[in-house]
């Protein structure tokens, strides 16, 4: 009679409420970070301008130096040709004297050496032409050396232009500080799970390296065919692993969304290994992943997502995209909507996609690609 009151299997209401509050708090922090990111972009633009000026100066210096070396090379080559011609005349003179003096004595030797001497003389005559026709010139070598020097000398400047290691910049004016401090590659502190593979530590959003959590709207199925929320279960499992523990993450890179990619551990255990081993998430790269053995063990044990049918997140997103194309105008499934005077677009796998309504009379529209939406002034939805 009251079957509708039964809780969904594997679902914890207290954890759900707590996690929802944390996610909303994380959203507010992320908006603040977006403001900071915009200010840092000003810093990057200023640094890019400085790097561009430096490159222009190096290019001008290289052009002048290459021209000077090219002219010098031509002069030296002309001098070499003239010297060769003068030596050739002296050789002919000395040869004629030796021939007149010792002709009869060395006639047999001269006859024997005539053929190789003539061949060598013919080859020597084409040396200047070969030198002029040689494809690699002096200015080519100078250009290559300057390019290598620019890479080694300009590398730190370009890294600073990306905002790495810049501390204390004036965000209001976009000016750089007089000193730069290298950002530590290690992040540690209390963590909160945003999804099955993303956590937040002291205001920094970190995506755990080597794993893929099910997408937020992606369904999973048990062995009996019942649908269950595997994305929420992965987030809950990650929250349990980090709750009350100090989490330490070592940076390894940055993803397209600007989030830090890192290897993370809590309580002496690697989070990625534990999540894959217990079947909460997928190993990124499948068979080519370092965690492929853990994933195989979880699949054989039918743990977590492997207890029934489960698609990898990208395969599920591809299916969602194709299904949305069939139901959208002109096969363009991206919804561009206006909310509180902000233009945003949502993708078919976004949490807000189903409820988003496109109203052309308000300037809202459909897009075929994300680049098309961005070109029209629309930004990605926070939940996309």
Protein backbone atom coordinates (compact mmCIF):
# COMPACT_ATOMS: atom_id res chain seq x y z
CA UNK A 1 0.00 0.00 0.00
CA UNK A 2 2.76 2.39 0.91
CA UNK A 3 5.23 1.01 -1.56
CA UNK A 4 5.77 4.50 -2.95
CA UNK A 5 7.32 5.50 0.37
CA UNK A 6 10.04 2.89 0.08
CA UNK A 7 13.44 4.41 -0.43
CA UNK A 8 15.26 3.66 -3.66
CA UNK A 9 17.74 0.89 -3.24
CA UNK A 10 21.25 2.23 -2.60
CA UNK A 11 20.00 5.80 -2.00
CA UNK A 12 20.71 7.73 1.22
CA UNK A 13 18.41 10.72 1.85
CA UNK A 14 20.59 12.38 4.48
CA UNK A 15 23.60 12.10 2.25
CA UNK A 16 21.58 13.42 -0.69
CA UNK A 17 20.45 16.53 1.21
CA UNK A 18 23.92 17.18 2.56
CA UNK A 19 25.50 16.72 -0.85
CA UNK A 20 22.93 19.01 -2.49
CA UNK A 21 23.78 21.80 -0.03
CA UNK A 22 27.48 21.29 -0.68
CA UNK A 23 26.97 21.32 -4.45
CA UNK A 24 25.05 24.63 -4.26
CA UNK A 25 27.79 26.08 -2.11
CA UNK A 26 30.32 24.85 -4.64
CA UNK A 27 28.32 26.52 -7.43
CA UNK A 28 28.54 29.87 -5.62
CA UNK A 29 32.26 29.42 -5.14
CA UNK A 30 32.64 28.54 -8.80
CA UNK A 31 30.89 31.76 -9.84
CA UNK A 32 33.37 33.68 -7.70
CA UNK A 33 36.15 31.77 -9.39
CA UNK A 34 34.72 32.71 -12.80
CA UNK A 35 35.06 36.40 -11.81
CA UNK A 36 38.62 35.77 -10.72
CA UNK A 37 39.31 33.87 -13.96
CA UNK A 38 38.05 36.85 -16.00
CA UNK A 39 40.41 39.13 -14.11
CA UNK A 40 43.30 36.73 -14.59
CA UNK A 41 42.45 36.75 -18.30
CA UNK A 42 43.27 40.48 -18.27
CA UNK A 43 46.62 39.61 -16.78
CA UNK A 44 47.17 37.02 -19.48
CA UNK A 45 46.30 39.51 -22.24
CA UNK A 46 48.81 42.00 -20.83
CA UNK A 47 51.45 39.29 -20.69
CA UNK A 48 50.60 38.20 -24.25
CA UNK A 49 51.12 41.79 -25.43
CA UNK A 50 54.57 41.84 -23.80
CA UNK A 51 55.49 38.51 -25.32
CA UNK A 52 54.32 39.73 -28.75
CA UNK A 53 56.52 42.82 -28.49
CA UNK A 54 59.47 40.65 -27.51
CA UNK A 55 58.88 38.34 -30.45
CA UNK A 56 58.69 41.29 -32.83
CA UNK A 57 62.04 42.59 -31.53
CA UNK A 58 63.66 39.18 -31.91
CA UNK A 59 62.25 38.85 -35.43
CA UNK A 60 63.65 42.25 -36.47
CA UNK A 61 67.06 41.45 -34.98
CA UNK A 62 67.09 38.09 -36.70
CA UNK A 63 66.21 39.67 -40.05
CA UNK A 64 69.03 42.23 -39.80
CA UNK A 65 71.55 39.63 -38.63
CA UNK A 66 70.54 37.21 -41.37
CA UNK A 67 70.95 39.94 -44.01
CA UNK A 68 74.41 40.84 -42.69
CA UNK A 69 75.55 37.23 -42.60
CA UNK A 70 74.15 36.57 -46.06
CA UNK A 71 76.08 39.53 -47.54
CA UNK A 72 79.23 38.47 -45.67
CA UNK A 73 78.85 34.91 -46.97
CA UNK A 74 78.49 36.12 -50.55
CA UNK A 75 81.62 38.27 -50.24
CA UNK A 76 83.65 35.40 -48.79
CA UNK A 77 82.41 33.08 -51.54
CA UNK A 78 83.43 35.60 -54.23
CA UNK A 79 86.86 35.92 -52.63
CA UNK A 80 87.21 32.13 -52.59
CA UNK A 81 86.31 31.92 -56.28
CA UNK A 82 88.81 34.68 -57.14
CA UNK A 83 91.52 32.95 -55.10
CA UNK A 84 90.80 29.68 -56.83
CA UNK A 85 91.07 31.35 -60.27
CA UNK A 86 94.40 32.96 -59.30
CA UNK A 87 95.77 29.65 -58.02
CA UNK A 88 94.63 27.99 -61.23
CA UNK A 89 96.65 30.48 -63.29
CA UNK A 90 99.74 29.88 -61.15
CA UNK A 91 99.21 26.14 -61.48
CA UNK A 92 99.15 26.42 -65.26
CA UNK A 93 102.31 28.55 -65.24
CA UNK A 94 104.22 26.17 -62.96
CA UNK A 95 102.98 23.21 -64.96
CA UNK A 96 104.23 24.72 -68.20
CA UNK A 97 107.67 25.41 -66.63
CA UNK A 98 107.88 21.87 -65.24
CA UNK A 99 106.77 20.43 -68.56
CA UNK A 100 109.41 22.32 -70.50
CA UNK A 101 112.11 21.45 -67.99
CA UNK A 102 111.30 17.85 -67.15
CA UNK A 103 108.99 16.92 -70.03
CA UNK A 104 111.09 14.17 -71.47
CA UNK A 105 111.98 12.75 -68.08
CA UNK A 106 108.46 12.56 -66.65
CA UNK A 107 106.57 12.01 -69.88
CA UNK A 108 105.49 8.42 -68.99
CA UNK A 109 104.30 9.51 -65.53
CA UNK A 110 102.50 12.51 -66.99
CA UNK A 111 100.72 10.34 -69.52
CA UNK A 112 99.65 7.94 -66.77
CA UNK A 113 98.28 10.75 -64.57
CA UNK A 114 96.61 12.75 -67.30
CA UNK A 115 93.20 11.10 -67.05
CA UNK A 116 92.73 11.38 -63.23
CA UNK A 117 94.17 14.89 -63.25
CA UNK A 118 91.74 16.01 -65.95
CA UNK A 119 88.83 14.44 -64.08
CA UNK A 120 89.83 16.18 -60.85
CA UNK A 121 90.19 19.48 -62.70
CA UNK A 122 86.70 19.17 -64.17
CA UNK A 123 85.19 18.46 -60.75
CA UNK A 124 87.08 21.35 -59.15
CA UNK A 125 85.61 23.76 -61.70
CA UNK A 126 82.04 23.07 -60.55
CA UNK A 127 82.73 23.59 -56.81
CA UNK A 128 81.73 27.30 -56.83
CA UNK A 129 78.47 26.50 -58.65
CA UNK A 130 77.71 23.70 -56.19
CA UNK A 131 78.32 26.05 -53.28
CA UNK A 132 75.93 28.64 -54.71
CA UNK A 133 73.25 26.05 -55.45
CA UNK A 134 73.45 24.37 -52.05
CA UNK A 135 69.94 24.71 -50.47
CA UNK A 136 71.08 25.38 -46.88
CA UNK A 137 72.45 28.91 -46.56
CA UNK A 138 74.09 30.65 -43.65
CA UNK A 139 70.94 32.61 -42.79
CA UNK A 140 69.00 29.34 -42.55
CA UNK A 141 71.34 28.11 -39.81
CA UNK A 142 71.12 31.47 -38.01
CA UNK A 143 67.31 31.39 -38.14
CA UNK A 144 67.23 27.89 -36.67
CA UNK A 145 69.57 28.90 -33.85
CA UNK A 146 67.47 31.97 -33.03
CA UNK A 147 64.28 29.89 -33.02
CA UNK A 148 65.78 27.41 -30.56
CA UNK A 149 66.97 30.29 -28.40
CA UNK A 150 63.48 31.81 -28.43
CA UNK A 151 61.99 28.52 -27.25
CA UNK A 152 64.37 28.19 -24.30
CA UNK A 153 64.42 31.87 -23.37
CA UNK A 154 60.73 32.56 -24.02
CA UNK A 155 59.35 29.43 -22.37
CA UNK A 156 59.15 30.95 -18.87
CA UNK A 157 57.53 34.09 -20.31
CA UNK A 158 54.85 32.06 -22.06
CA UNK A 159 54.15 30.02 -18.95
CA UNK A 160 53.74 33.24 -16.98
CA UNK A 161 51.39 34.50 -19.67
CA UNK A 162 49.12 31.53 -18.99
CA UNK A 163 48.79 32.71 -15.42
CA UNK A 164 50.83 29.87 -13.86
CA UNK A 165 52.90 31.03 -10.94
CA UNK A 166 51.60 34.62 -10.94
CA UNK A 167 50.76 35.70 -7.42
CA UNK A 168 49.57 39.07 -6.19
CA UNK A 169 48.45 40.49 -9.55
CA UNK A 170 46.32 43.62 -9.45
CA UNK A 171 42.98 42.21 -10.63
CA UNK A 172 41.40 45.64 -10.98
CA UNK A 173 44.02 47.04 -13.39
CA UNK A 174 45.31 43.80 -14.90
CA UNK A 175 48.96 44.62 -14.04
CA UNK A 176 51.57 42.03 -13.15
CA UNK A 177 53.43 42.07 -9.82
CA UNK A 178 57.13 42.77 -9.58
CA UNK A 179 57.84 39.24 -8.31
CA UNK A 180 56.47 35.84 -9.28
CA UNK A 181 56.08 32.81 -7.04
CA UNK A 182 55.80 29.27 -8.40
CA UNK A 183 52.52 27.57 -7.43
CA UNK A 184 52.99 24.31 -5.55
CA UNK A 185 52.10 21.13 -7.43
CA UNK A 186 50.46 19.70 -4.30
CA UNK A 187 47.01 20.52 -2.90
CA UNK A 188 45.87 19.21 0.45
CA UNK A 189 43.01 19.76 2.86
CA UNK A 190 39.39 18.82 3.50
CA UNK A 191 37.52 17.85 0.34
CA UNK A 192 33.92 17.73 -0.88
CA UNK A 193 32.73 15.54 -3.74
CA UNK A 194 31.06 17.45 -6.58
CA UNK A 195 30.59 14.34 -8.71
CA UNK A 196 32.01 10.84 -8.84
CA UNK A 197 35.34 12.07 -10.22
CA UNK A 198 35.48 15.75 -9.18
CA UNK A 199 36.23 17.17 -5.73
CA UNK A 200 36.78 20.62 -4.32
CA UNK A 201 39.68 21.33 -1.94
CA UNK A 202 40.03 24.80 -0.38
CA UNK A 203 38.25 26.46 -3.30
CA UNK A 204 40.12 24.51 -6.00
CA UNK A 205 38.11 22.22 -8.27
CA UNK A 206 40.07 19.02 -8.94
CA UNK A 207 39.23 16.28 -11.44
CA UNK A 208 40.75 12.98 -10.36
CA UNK A 209 43.09 11.63 -13.02
CA UNK A 210 42.55 8.28 -14.71
CA UNK A 211 38.81 7.80 -14.11
CA UNK A 212 35.42 8.70 -15.62
CA UNK A 213 32.30 8.91 -13.49
CA UNK A 214 28.86 8.28 -15.00
CA UNK A 215 27.24 11.49 -16.27
CA UNK A 216 24.71 13.12 -13.95
CA UNK A 217 21.71 12.19 -16.13
CA UNK A 218 23.10 8.86 -17.29
CA UNK A 219 20.98 5.85 -16.25
CA UNK A 220 22.42 2.52 -15.13
CA UNK A 221 20.60 -0.80 -14.89
CA UNK A 222 20.79 -3.62 -12.39
CA UNK A 223 20.88 -7.31 -13.30
CA UNK A 224 17.06 -7.45 -13.00
CA UNK A 225 16.69 -4.54 -15.44
CA UNK A 226 15.76 -1.92 -12.83
CA UNK A 227 17.14 1.58 -13.41
CA UNK A 228 19.25 3.19 -10.71
CA UNK A 229 21.17 6.46 -10.27
CA UNK A 230 24.77 5.35 -10.65
CA UNK A 231 26.07 8.96 -10.88
CA UNK A 232 24.65 9.85 -7.46
CA UNK A 233 25.97 6.58 -6.03
CA UNK A 234 29.50 7.39 -7.32
CA UNK A 235 29.36 10.87 -5.76
CA UNK A 236 28.17 9.41 -2.45
CA UNK A 237 30.95 6.81 -2.47
CA UNK A 238 33.59 9.47 -3.12
CA UNK A 239 32.16 11.65 -0.34
CA UNK A 240 32.50 8.75 2.10
CA UNK A 241 36.13 8.23 1.09
CA UNK A 242 37.13 11.86 1.71
CA UNK A 243 34.86 12.74 4.64
CA UNK A 244 36.81 13.64 7.78
CA UNK A 245 40.16 12.93 6.11
CA UNK A 246 42.90 15.14 4.76
CA UNK A 247 43.05 14.70 0.99
CA UNK A 248 46.35 15.24 -0.85
CA UNK A 249 46.39 15.80 -4.63
CA UNK A 250 49.40 16.14 -6.93
CA UNK A 251 48.74 18.29 -9.99
CA UNK A 252 49.35 16.64 -13.38
CA UNK A 253 47.60 19.05 -15.76
CA UNK A 254 44.45 21.01 -16.58
CA UNK A 255 41.35 20.03 -18.55
CA UNK A 256 39.43 22.05 -21.15
CA UNK A 257 37.09 23.43 -18.48
CA UNK A 258 40.03 24.91 -16.56
CA UNK A 259 39.85 22.38 -13.73
CA UNK A 260 43.00 20.98 -12.17
CA UNK A 261 43.75 17.35 -13.05
CA UNK A 262 45.51 15.53 -10.21
CA UNK A 263 46.28 12.21 -8.58
CA UNK A 264 44.57 12.19 -5.17
CA UNK A 265 44.85 10.08 -2.04
CA UNK A 266 43.05 10.02 1.32
CA UNK A 267 43.95 7.95 4.34
CA UNK A 268 46.91 6.48 2.48
CA UNK A 269 44.70 5.08 -0.32
CA UNK A 270 44.59 6.23 -3.94
CA UNK A 271 41.07 7.50 -4.66
CA UNK A 272 41.03 6.55 -8.35
CA UNK A 273 42.07 2.95 -7.60
CA UNK A 274 39.45 2.55 -4.88
CA UNK A 275 36.64 3.99 -7.00
CA UNK A 276 37.42 1.76 -9.99
CA UNK A 277 38.00 -1.34 -7.83
CA UNK A 278 34.57 -0.99 -6.20
CA UNK A 279 32.78 -0.39 -9.50
CA UNK A 280 31.74 3.21 -8.85
CA UNK A 281 33.48 4.70 -11.93
CA UNK A 282 35.11 3.69 -15.21
CA UNK A 283 38.85 3.56 -15.85
CA UNK A 284 39.66 6.29 -18.40
CA UNK A 285 41.02 4.78 -21.59
CA UNK A 286 39.67 1.30 -20.83
CA UNK A 287 42.29 -1.32 -21.82
CA UNK A 288 45.02 1.29 -22.26
CA UNK A 289 44.54 2.63 -18.73
CA UNK A 290 46.82 1.90 -15.80
CA UNK A 291 43.64 0.96 -13.93
CA UNK A 292 42.41 -1.51 -16.55
CA UNK A 293 43.24 -4.43 -14.24
CA UNK A 294 41.11 -2.95 -11.45
CA UNK A 295 38.24 -2.39 -13.88
CA UNK A 296 38.45 -5.97 -15.15
CA UNK A 297 38.30 -7.26 -11.57
CA UNK A 298 35.25 -5.07 -10.80
CA UNK A 299 33.52 -6.24 -13.99
CA UNK A 300 34.14 -9.90 -13.17
CA UNK A 301 32.79 -9.33 -9.66
CA UNK A 302 29.75 -7.48 -11.10
CA UNK A 303 30.41 -4.65 -8.66
CA UNK A 304 28.64 -1.30 -8.86
CA UNK A 305 28.04 -0.18 -12.44
CA UNK A 306 29.01 -3.65 -13.72
CA UNK A 307 26.08 -5.46 -12.07
CA UNK A 308 23.99 -4.79 -15.18
CA UNK A 309 24.11 -2.81 -18.41
CA UNK A 310 26.34 0.29 -18.32
CA UNK A 311 27.63 2.56 -21.07
CA UNK A 312 30.77 4.63 -20.85
CA UNK A 313 29.93 8.34 -20.42
CA UNK A 314 31.06 9.36 -23.92
CA UNK A 315 29.05 6.57 -25.56
CA UNK A 316 25.97 7.64 -23.58
CA UNK A 317 26.49 11.30 -24.54
CA UNK A 318 26.77 10.27 -28.20
CA UNK A 319 23.44 8.46 -27.93
CA UNK A 320 21.83 11.44 -26.18
CA UNK A 321 23.12 13.77 -28.90
CA UNK A 322 21.72 11.63 -31.73
CA UNK A 323 18.35 11.27 -29.97
CA UNK A 324 18.13 15.05 -29.42
CA UNK A 325 18.99 15.72 -33.08
CA UNK A 326 15.96 13.71 -34.14
CA UNK A 327 13.66 15.95 -32.07
CA UNK A 328 15.23 19.36 -32.70
CA UNK A 329 14.70 21.83 -35.57
CA UNK A 330 17.04 21.20 -38.51
CA UNK A 331 18.89 18.60 -36.45
CA UNK A 332 20.52 21.24 -34.21
CA UNK A 333 20.09 19.98 -30.61
CA UNK A 334 21.83 22.69 -28.54
CA UNK A 335 19.39 25.01 -26.76
CA UNK A 336 20.38 28.66 -26.41
CA UNK A 337 18.24 30.36 -23.77
CA UNK A 338 18.25 33.67 -21.89
CA UNK A 339 18.00 33.64 -18.10
CA UNK A 340 18.18 36.83 -16.05
CA UNK A 341 19.67 38.65 -19.06
CA UNK A 342 22.40 36.01 -19.35
CA UNK A 343 22.76 34.04 -22.58
CA UNK A 344 23.54 30.39 -21.91
CA UNK A 345 23.36 27.18 -23.91
CA UNK A 346 22.59 23.66 -22.69
CA UNK A 347 23.67 20.35 -24.19
CA UNK A 348 21.45 17.24 -24.51
CA UNK A 349 23.06 15.60 -21.45
CA UNK A 350 22.74 18.70 -19.26
CA UNK A 351 20.63 18.57 -16.09
CA UNK A 352 18.61 21.57 -17.30
CA UNK A 353 18.16 20.41 -20.91
CA UNK A 354 14.74 18.80 -20.47
CA UNK A 355 13.22 21.85 -18.80
CA UNK A 356 14.83 24.49 -21.03
CA UNK A 357 12.37 26.04 -23.50
CA UNK A 358 13.60 27.89 -26.60
CA UNK A 359 11.52 31.05 -27.22
CA UNK A 360 12.59 32.68 -30.50
CA UNK A 361 10.61 35.86 -29.73
CA UNK A 362 13.02 36.52 -26.84
CA UNK A 363 16.10 36.01 -28.95
CA UNK A 364 16.57 32.38 -27.93
CA UNK A 365 17.55 29.84 -30.58
CA UNK A 366 18.88 26.39 -31.44
CA UNK A 367 22.52 25.73 -32.35
CA UNK A 368 24.21 22.88 -34.18
CA UNK A 369 27.63 23.24 -32.52
CA UNK A 370 29.09 24.76 -29.37
CA UNK A 371 31.33 27.04 -31.44
CA UNK A 372 28.25 28.42 -33.18
CA UNK A 373 26.60 29.12 -29.80
CA UNK A 374 29.73 30.83 -28.44
CA UNK A 375 30.04 32.95 -31.58
CA UNK A 376 26.48 34.18 -30.97
CA UNK A 377 27.41 35.30 -27.46
CA UNK A 378 26.05 32.33 -25.51
CA UNK A 379 28.04 30.76 -22.65
CA UNK A 380 27.94 27.15 -21.45
CA UNK A 381 25.40 26.37 -18.75
CA UNK A 382 26.82 25.65 -15.29
CA UNK A 383 25.13 22.29 -15.42
CA UNK A 384 26.12 21.33 -18.96
